[in-house]
Amino acid sequence: STTVSTPSSTTSSVSPPISTTTPTPTTGETTRETPS
C-alpha cells in the first residue's frame, strides 16, 4: 500500500514523454555531483 500509493499518484501526474526524456541526464548529474 505504501509503495503503490506513492508511485501511482506521481506517475499519473508526471509522465509526459517530453519531461521523462529531457530531465533524465540533468537529474542524474545533479543528483550525483551536487551533494558529494
All heavy atoms as atom14 arrays in JSON, in Angstrom:
{
  "sequence": "STTVSTPSSTTSSVSPPISTTTPTPTTGETTRETPS",
  "atom14_mask": [
    [1, 1, 1, 1, 1, 1, 0, 0, 0, 0, 0, 0, 0, 0],
    [1, 1, 1, 1, 1, 1, 1, 0, 0, 0, 0, 0, 0, 0],
    [1, 1, 1, 1, 1, 1, 1, 0, 0, 0, 0, 0, 0, 0],
    [1, 1, 1, 1, 1, 1, 1, 0, 0, 0, 0, 0, 0, 0],
    [1, 1, 1, 1, 1, 1, 0, 0, 0, 0, 0, 0, 0, 0],
    [1, 1, 1, 1, 1, 1, 1, 0, 0, 0, 0, 0, 0, 0],
    [1, 1, 1, 1, 1, 1, 1, 0, 0, 0, 0, 0, 0, 0],
    [1, 1, 1, 1, 1, 1, 0, 0, 0, 0, 0, 0, 0, 0],
    [1, 1, 1, 1, 1, 1, 0, 0, 0, 0, 0, 0, 0, 0],
    [1, 1, 1, 1, 1, 1, 1, 0, 0, 0, 0, 0, 0, 0],
    [1, 1, 1, 1, 1, 1, 1, 0, 0, 0, 0, 0, 0, 0],
    [1, 1, 1, 1, 1, 1, 0, 0, 0, 0, 0, 0, 0, 0],
    [1, 1, 1, 1, 1, 1, 0, 0, 0, 0, 0, 0, 0, 0],
    [1, 1, 1, 1, 1, 1, 1, 0, 0, 0, 0, 0, 0, 0],
    [1, 1, 1, 1, 1, 1, 0, 0, 0, 0, 0, 0, 0, 0],
    [1, 1, 1, 1, 1, 1, 1, 0, 0, 0, 0, 0, 0, 0],
    [1, 1, 1, 1, 1, 1, 1, 0, 0, 0, 0, 0, 0, 0],
    [1, 1, 1, 1, 1, 1, 1, 1, 0, 0, 0, 0, 0, 0],
    [1, 1, 1, 1, 1, 1, 0, 0, 0, 0, 0, 0, 0, 0],
    [1, 1, 1, 1, 1, 1, 1, 0, 0, 0, 0, 0, 0, 0],
    [1, 1, 1, 1, 1, 1, 1, 0, 0, 0, 0, 0, 0, 0],
    [1, 1, 1, 1, 1, 1, 1, 0, 0, 0, 0, 0, 0, 0],
    [1, 1, 1, 1, 1, 1, 1, 0, 0, 0, 0, 0, 0, 0],
    [1, 1, 1, 1, 1, 1, 1, 0, 0, 0, 0, 0, 0, 0],
    [1, 1, 1, 1, 1, 1, 1, 0, 0, 0, 0, 0, 0, 0],
    [1, 1, 1, 1, 1, 1, 1, 0, 0, 0, 0, 0, 0, 0],
    [1, 1, 1, 1, 1, 1, 1, 0, 0, 0, 0, 0, 0, 0],
    [1, 1, 1, 1, 0, 0, 0, 0, 0, 0, 0, 0, 0, 0],
    [1, 1, 1, 1, 1, 1, 1, 1, 1, 0, 0, 0, 0, 0],
    [1, 1, 1, 1, 1, 1, 1, 0, 0, 0, 0, 0, 0, 0],
    [1, 1, 1, 1, 1, 1, 1, 0, 0, 0, 0, 0, 0, 0],
    [1, 1, 1, 1, 1, 1, 1, 1, 1, 1, 1, 0, 0, 0],
    [1, 1, 1, 1, 1, 1, 1, 1, 1, 0, 0, 0, 0, 0],
    [1, 1, 1, 1, 1, 1, 1, 0, 0, 0, 0, 0, 0, 0],
    [1, 1, 1, 1, 1, 1, 1, 0, 0, 0, 0, 0, 0, 0],
    [1, 1, 1, 1, 1, 1, 0, 0, 0, 0, 0, 0, 0, 0]
  ],
  "atom14_positions": [
    [[0.82, -1.2, 0.0], [0.0, 0.0, 0.0], [0.85, 1.25, 0.0], [0.54, 2.21, -0.67], [-1.0, 0.01, 1.16], [-0.42, -0.46, 2.33], [0.0, 0.0, 0.0], [0.0, 0.0, 0.0], [0.0, 0.0, 0.0], [0.0, 0.0, 0.0], [0.0, 0.0, 0.0], [0.0, 0.0, 0.0], [0.0, 0.0, 0.0], [0.0, 0.0, 0.0]],
    [[1.98, 1.27, 0.71], [2.85, 2.44, 0.69], [3.51, 2.59, -0.67], [3.49, 3.65, -1.26], [3.95, 2.3, 1.78], [3.32, 2.04, 3.01], [4.78, 3.56, 1.87], [0.0, 0.0, 0.0], [0.0, 0.0, 0.0], [0.0, 0.0, 0.0], [0.0, 0.0, 0.0], [0.0, 0.0, 0.0], [0.0, 0.0, 0.0], [0.0, 0.0, 0.0]],
    [[4.05, 1.5, -1.19], [4.74, 1.54, -2.47], [3.78, 1.9, -3.6], [4.1, 2.72, -4.44], [5.4, 0.17, -2.77], [6.2, -0.18, -1.66], [6.24, 0.24, -4.01], [0.0, 0.0, 0.0], [0.0, 0.0, 0.0], [0.0, 0.0, 0.0], [0.0, 0.0, 0.0], [0.0, 0.0, 0.0], [0.0, 0.0, 0.0], [0.0, 0.0, 0.0]],
    [[2.6, 1.3, -3.61], [1.65, 1.52, -4.7], [1.11, 2.94, -4.68], [1.05, 3.58, -5.7], [0.49, 0.49, -4.63], [-0.6, 0.86, -5.6], [1.02, -0.88, -4.91], [0.0, 0.0, 0.0], [0.0, 0.0, 0.0], [0.0, 0.0, 0.0], [0.0, 0.0, 0.0], [0.0, 0.0, 0.0], [0.0, 0.0, 0.0], [0.0, 0.0, 0.0]],
    [[0.76, 3.47, -3.51], [0.12, 4.78, -3.49], [1.07, 5.89, -3.92], [0.68, 6.77, -4.63], [-0.48, 5.09, -2.12], [0.54, 5.1, -1.14], [0.0, 0.0, 0.0], [0.0, 0.0, 0.0], [0.0, 0.0, 0.0], [0.0, 0.0, 0.0], [0.0, 0.0, 0.0], [0.0, 0.0, 0.0], [0.0, 0.0, 0.0], [0.0, 0.0, 0.0]],
    [[2.33, 5.85, -3.52], [3.25, 6.91, -3.89], [3.53, 6.94, -5.39], [3.3, 7.94, -6.02], [4.57, 6.79, -3.09], [4.22, 6.76, -1.71], [5.5, 7.95, -3.37], [0.0, 0.0, 0.0], [0.0, 0.0, 0.0], [0.0, 0.0, 0.0], [0.0, 0.0, 0.0], [0.0, 0.0, 0.0], [0.0, 0.0, 0.0], [0.0, 0.0, 0.0]],
    [[3.99, 5.83, -6.03], [4.27, 5.92, -7.46], [3.05, 6.19, -8.32], [3.15, 6.9, -9.28], [4.86, 4.56, -7.83], [5.27, 3.95, -6.56], [4.42, 4.57, -5.5], [0.0, 0.0, 0.0], [0.0, 0.0, 0.0], [0.0, 0.0, 0.0], [0.0, 0.0, 0.0], [0.0, 0.0, 0.0], [0.0, 0.0, 0.0], [0.0, 0.0, 0.0]],
    [[1.88, 5.63, -7.97], [0.74, 5.81, -8.85], [0.32, 7.27, -8.92], [0.01, 7.76, -9.99], [-0.43, 4.92, -8.44], [-0.89, 5.28, -7.17], [0.0, 0.0, 0.0], [0.0, 0.0, 0.0], [0.0, 0.0, 0.0], [0.0, 0.0, 0.0], [0.0, 0.0, 0.0], [0.0, 0.0, 0.0], [0.0, 0.0, 0.0], [0.0, 0.0, 0.0]],
    [[0.36, 8.0, -7.8], [-0.03, 9.4, -7.88], [1.04, 10.21, -8.6], [0.74, 11.08, -9.38], [-0.3, 9.98, -6.48], [0.86, 9.87, -5.69], [0.0, 0.0, 0.0], [0.0, 0.0, 0.0], [0.0, 0.0, 0.0], [0.0, 0.0, 0.0], [0.0, 0.0, 0.0], [0.0, 0.0, 0.0], [0.0, 0.0, 0.0], [0.0, 0.0, 0.0]],
    [[2.31, 9.91, -8.37], [3.38, 10.62, -9.05], [3.4, 10.28, -10.53], [3.46, 11.14, -11.37], [4.76, 10.25, -8.44], [4.68, 10.44, -7.03], [5.87, 11.08, -9.02], [0.0, 0.0, 0.0], [0.0, 0.0, 0.0], [0.0, 0.0, 0.0], [0.0, 0.0, 0.0], [0.0, 0.0, 0.0], [0.0, 0.0, 0.0], [0.0, 0.0, 0.0]],
    [[3.32, 8.97, -10.84], [3.39, 8.53, -12.22], [2.25, 9.1, -13.05], [2.46, 9.59, -14.13], [3.35, 6.99, -12.3], [4.38, 6.49, -11.46], [3.57, 6.52, -13.71], [0.0, 0.0, 0.0], [0.0, 0.0, 0.0], [0.0, 0.0, 0.0], [0.0, 0.0, 0.0], [0.0, 0.0, 0.0], [0.0, 0.0, 0.0], [0.0, 0.0, 0.0]],
    [[1.04, 9.08, -12.51], [-0.09, 9.53, -13.3], [-0.04, 11.03, -13.57], [-0.48, 11.48, -14.6], [-1.42, 9.16, -12.63], [-1.5, 9.77, -11.36], [0.0, 0.0, 0.0], [0.0, 0.0, 0.0], [0.0, 0.0, 0.0], [0.0, 0.0, 0.0], [0.0, 0.0, 0.0], [0.0, 0.0, 0.0], [0.0, 0.0, 0.0], [0.0, 0.0, 0.0]],
    [[0.53, 11.83, -12.65], [0.54, 13.26, -12.89], [1.79, 13.73, -13.62], [1.77, 14.74, -14.26], [0.37, 14.02, -11.56], [1.41, 13.67, -10.69], [0.0, 0.0, 0.0], [0.0, 0.0, 0.0], [0.0, 0.0, 0.0], [0.0, 0.0, 0.0], [0.0, 0.0, 0.0], [0.0, 0.0, 0.0], [0.0, 0.0, 0.0], [0.0, 0.0, 0.0]],
    [[2.91, 13.0, -13.52], [4.14, 13.44, -14.17], [4.68, 12.32, -15.05], [5.6, 11.64, -14.69], [5.21, 13.83, -13.12], [6.43, 14.4, -13.81], [4.68, 14.8, -12.12], [0.0, 0.0, 0.0], [0.0, 0.0, 0.0], [0.0, 0.0, 0.0], [0.0, 0.0, 0.0], [0.0, 0.0, 0.0], [0.0, 0.0, 0.0], [0.0, 0.0, 0.0]],
    [[4.07, 12.11, -16.21], [4.63, 11.1, -17.1], [4.54, 11.45, -18.58], [4.45, 10.58, -19.39], [3.98, 9.75, -16.83], [2.61, 9.83, -17.1], [0.0, 0.0, 0.0], [0.0, 0.0, 0.0], [0.0, 0.0, 0.0], [0.0, 0.0, 0.0], [0.0, 0.0, 0.0], [0.0, 0.0, 0.0], [0.0, 0.0, 0.0], [0.0, 0.0, 0.0]],
    [[4.53, 12.73, -18.95], [4.59, 13.0, -20.39], [5.96, 12.63, -20.94], [6.95, 12.74, -20.24], [4.38, 14.51, -20.5], [4.16, 15.03, -19.15], [4.37, 13.94, -18.18], [0.0, 0.0, 0.0], [0.0, 0.0, 0.0], [0.0, 0.0, 0.0], [0.0, 0.0, 0.0], [0.0, 0.0, 0.0], [0.0, 0.0, 0.0], [0.0, 0.0, 0.0]],
    [[6.02, 12.17, -22.19], [7.29, 11.74, -22.76], [8.36, 12.83, -22.76], [9.5, 12.56, -22.56], [6.95, 11.34, -24.19], [5.48, 11.18, -24.22], [4.92, 11.96, -23.09], [0.0, 0.0, 0.0], [0.0, 0.0, 0.0], [0.0, 0.0, 0.0], [0.0, 0.0, 0.0], [0.0, 0.0, 0.0], [0.0, 0.0, 0.0], [0.0, 0.0, 0.0]],
    [[7.99, 14.09, -22.95], [8.98, 15.15, -23.01], [9.7, 15.29, -21.67], [10.91, 15.3, -21.61], [8.32, 16.49, -23.41], [7.73, 16.38, -24.82], [9.31, 17.64, -23.33], [6.83, 17.51, -25.21], [0.0, 0.0, 0.0], [0.0, 0.0, 0.0], [0.0, 0.0, 0.0], [0.0, 0.0, 0.0], [0.0, 0.0, 0.0], [0.0, 0.0, 0.0]],
    [[8.95, 15.35, -20.56], [9.6, 15.54, -19.28], [10.41, 14.31, -18.88], [11.41, 14.43, -18.21], [8.58, 15.89, -18.2], [7.69, 14.83, -18.01], [0.0, 0.0, 0.0], [0.0, 0.0, 0.0], [0.0, 0.0, 0.0], [0.0, 0.0, 0.0], [0.0, 0.0, 0.0], [0.0, 0.0, 0.0], [0.0, 0.0, 0.0], [0.0, 0.0, 0.0]],
    [[10.0, 13.12, -19.27], [10.75, 11.92, -18.94], [12.08, 11.9, -19.68], [13.11, 11.59, -19.11], [9.93, 10.66, -19.32], [8.67, 10.74, -18.69], [10.64, 9.4, -18.88], [0.0, 0.0, 0.0], [0.0, 0.0, 0.0], [0.0, 0.0, 0.0], [0.0, 0.0, 0.0], [0.0, 0.0, 0.0], [0.0, 0.0, 0.0], [0.0, 0.0, 0.0]],
    [[12.1, 12.28, -20.95], [13.31, 12.21, -21.76], [14.29, 13.33, -21.39], [15.45, 13.09, -21.16], [12.96, 12.34, -23.26], [11.94, 11.39, -23.54], [14.17, 12.07, -24.12], [0.0, 0.0, 0.0], [0.0, 0.0, 0.0], [0.0, 0.0, 0.0], [0.0, 0.0, 0.0], [0.0, 0.0, 0.0], [0.0, 0.0, 0.0], [0.0, 0.0, 0.0]],
    [[13.83, 14.56, -21.29], [14.71, 15.7, -21.09], [15.42, 15.7, -19.73], [16.62, 15.76, -19.69], [13.93, 17.03, -21.28], [13.24, 16.94, -22.52], [14.87, 18.21, -21.27], [0.0, 0.0, 0.0], [0.0, 0.0, 0.0], [0.0, 0.0, 0.0], [0.0, 0.0, 0.0], [0.0, 0.0, 0.0], [0.0, 0.0, 0.0], [0.0, 0.0, 0.0]],
    [[14.72, 15.58, -18.59], [15.44, 15.74, -17.33], [16.27, 14.55, -16.88], [17.02, 14.67, -15.96], [14.36, 16.02, -16.31], [13.11, 15.53, -16.9], [13.32, 15.51, -18.39], [0.0, 0.0, 0.0], [0.0, 0.0, 0.0], [0.0, 0.0, 0.0], [0.0, 0.0, 0.0], [0.0, 0.0, 0.0], [0.0, 0.0, 0.0], [0.0, 0.0, 0.0]],
    [[16.15, 13.4, -17.52], [16.88, 12.24, -17.05], [18.38, 12.5, -16.94], [18.95, 12.3, -15.89], [16.57, 11.01, -17.93], [15.17, 10.8, -17.93], [17.27, 9.78, -17.41], [0.0, 0.0, 0.0], [0.0, 0.0, 0.0], [0.0, 0.0, 0.0], [0.0, 0.0, 0.0], [0.0, 0.0, 0.0], [0.0, 0.0, 0.0], [0.0, 0.0, 0.0]],
    [[19.09, 13.03, -17.99], [20.52, 13.28, -17.82], [20.79, 14.38, -16.8], [21.67, 14.25, -15.98], [20.98, 13.74, -19.21], [19.9, 13.37, -20.14], [18.65, 13.25, -19.35], [0.0, 0.0, 0.0], [0.0, 0.0, 0.0], [0.0, 0.0, 0.0], [0.0, 0.0, 0.0], [0.0, 0.0, 0.0], [0.0, 0.0, 0.0], [0.0, 0.0, 0.0]],
    [[20.0, 15.44, -16.81], [20.2, 16.54, -15.87], [20.04, 16.07, -14.44], [20.85, 16.33, -13.59], [19.19, 17.68, -16.16], [19.21, 17.95, -17.54], [19.51, 18.91, -15.36], [0.0, 0.0, 0.0], [0.0, 0.0, 0.0], [0.0, 0.0, 0.0], [0.0, 0.0, 0.0], [0.0, 0.0, 0.0], [0.0, 0.0, 0.0], [0.0, 0.0, 0.0]],
    [[18.94, 15.3, -14.18], [18.68, 14.8, -12.84], [19.82, 13.9, -12.39], [20.29, 14.01, -11.27], [17.35, 14.02, -12.81], [16.33, 14.86, -13.33], [17.0, 13.62, -11.4], [0.0, 0.0, 0.0], [0.0, 0.0, 0.0], [0.0, 0.0, 0.0], [0.0, 0.0, 0.0], [0.0, 0.0, 0.0], [0.0, 0.0, 0.0], [0.0, 0.0, 0.0]],
    [[20.33, 13.05, -13.25], [21.41, 12.15, -12.88], [22.66, 12.92, -12.5], [23.29, 12.65, -11.5], [0.0, 0.0, 0.0], [0.0, 0.0, 0.0], [0.0, 0.0, 0.0], [0.0, 0.0, 0.0], [0.0, 0.0, 0.0], [0.0, 0.0, 0.0], [0.0, 0.0, 0.0], [0.0, 0.0, 0.0], [0.0, 0.0, 0.0], [0.0, 0.0, 0.0]],
    [[23.05, 13.94, -13.28], [24.24, 14.72, -12.98], [24.05, 15.51, -11.7], [24.91, 15.52, -10.83], [24.57, 15.68, -14.13], [25.02, 14.96, -15.39], [25.12, 15.9, -16.57], [24.79, 17.1, -16.44], [25.52, 15.43, -17.64], [0.0, 0.0, 0.0], [0.0, 0.0, 0.0], [0.0, 0.0, 0.0], [0.0, 0.0, 0.0], [0.0, 0.0, 0.0]],
    [[22.89, 16.14, -11.56], [22.64, 16.94, -10.38], [22.66, 16.09, -9.13], [23.3, 16.43, -8.15], [21.28, 17.67, -10.5], [21.27, 18.35, -11.74], [21.06, 18.61, -9.36], [0.0, 0.0, 0.0], [0.0, 0.0, 0.0], [0.0, 0.0, 0.0], [0.0, 0.0, 0.0], [0.0, 0.0, 0.0], [0.0, 0.0, 0.0], [0.0, 0.0, 0.0]],
    [[22.0, 14.95, -9.18], [21.91, 14.09, -8.01], [23.29, 13.58, -7.59], [23.62, 13.58, -6.43], [20.99, 12.88, -8.29], [19.75, 13.37, -8.75], [20.79, 12.05, -7.05], [0.0, 0.0, 0.0], [0.0, 0.0, 0.0], [0.0, 0.0, 0.0], [0.0, 0.0, 0.0], [0.0, 0.0, 0.0], [0.0, 0.0, 0.0], [0.0, 0.0, 0.0]],
    [[24.13, 13.21, -8.53], [25.42, 12.62, -8.19], [26.45, 13.66, -7.81], [27.27, 13.45, -6.96], [25.94, 11.79, -9.37], [25.15, 10.54, -9.56], [25.71, 9.71, -10.67], [24.84, 8.56, -10.89], [24.91, 7.78, -11.92], [25.8, 7.98, -12.86], [24.08, 6.76, -12.04], [0.0, 0.0, 0.0], [0.0, 0.0, 0.0], [0.0, 0.0, 0.0]],
    [[26.46, 14.82, -8.49], [27.57, 15.74, -8.29], [27.29, 16.86, -7.31], [28.2, 17.32, -6.67], [27.99, 16.31, -9.65], [28.5, 15.2, -10.54], [29.22, 15.72, -11.75], [29.92, 16.72, -11.65], [29.06, 15.09, -12.8], [0.0, 0.0, 0.0], [0.0, 0.0, 0.0], [0.0, 0.0, 0.0], [0.0, 0.0, 0.0], [0.0, 0.0, 0.0]],
    [[26.04, 17.29, -7.16], [25.79, 18.41, -6.27], [26.06, 18.07, -4.8], [26.81, 18.76, -4.17], [24.35, 18.95, -6.45], [24.19, 19.29, -7.82], [24.09, 20.14, -5.58], [0.0, 0.0, 0.0], [0.0, 0.0, 0.0], [0.0, 0.0, 0.0], [0.0, 0.0, 0.0], [0.0, 0.0, 0.0], [0.0, 0.0, 0.0], [0.0, 0.0, 0.0]],
    [[25.48, 16.98, -4.25], [25.67, 16.77, -2.82], [27.1, 16.37, -2.44], [27.63, 16.85, -1.47], [24.71, 15.66, -2.47], [24.0, 15.28, -3.71], [24.59, 16.04, -4.83], [0.0, 0.0, 0.0], [0.0, 0.0, 0.0], [0.0, 0.0, 0.0], [0.0, 0.0, 0.0], [0.0, 0.0, 0.0], [0.0, 0.0, 0.0], [0.0, 0.0, 0.0]],
    [[27.78, 15.5, -3.18], [29.06, 15.0, -2.69], [30.25, 15.45, -3.52], [31.3, 15.73, -2.99], [29.01, 13.47, -2.63], [28.69, 12.96, -3.91], [0.0, 0.0, 0.0], [0.0, 0.0, 0.0], [0.0, 0.0, 0.0], [0.0, 0.0, 0.0], [0.0, 0.0, 0.0], [0.0, 0.0, 0.0], [0.0, 0.0, 0.0], [0.0, 0.0, 0.0]]
  ]
}
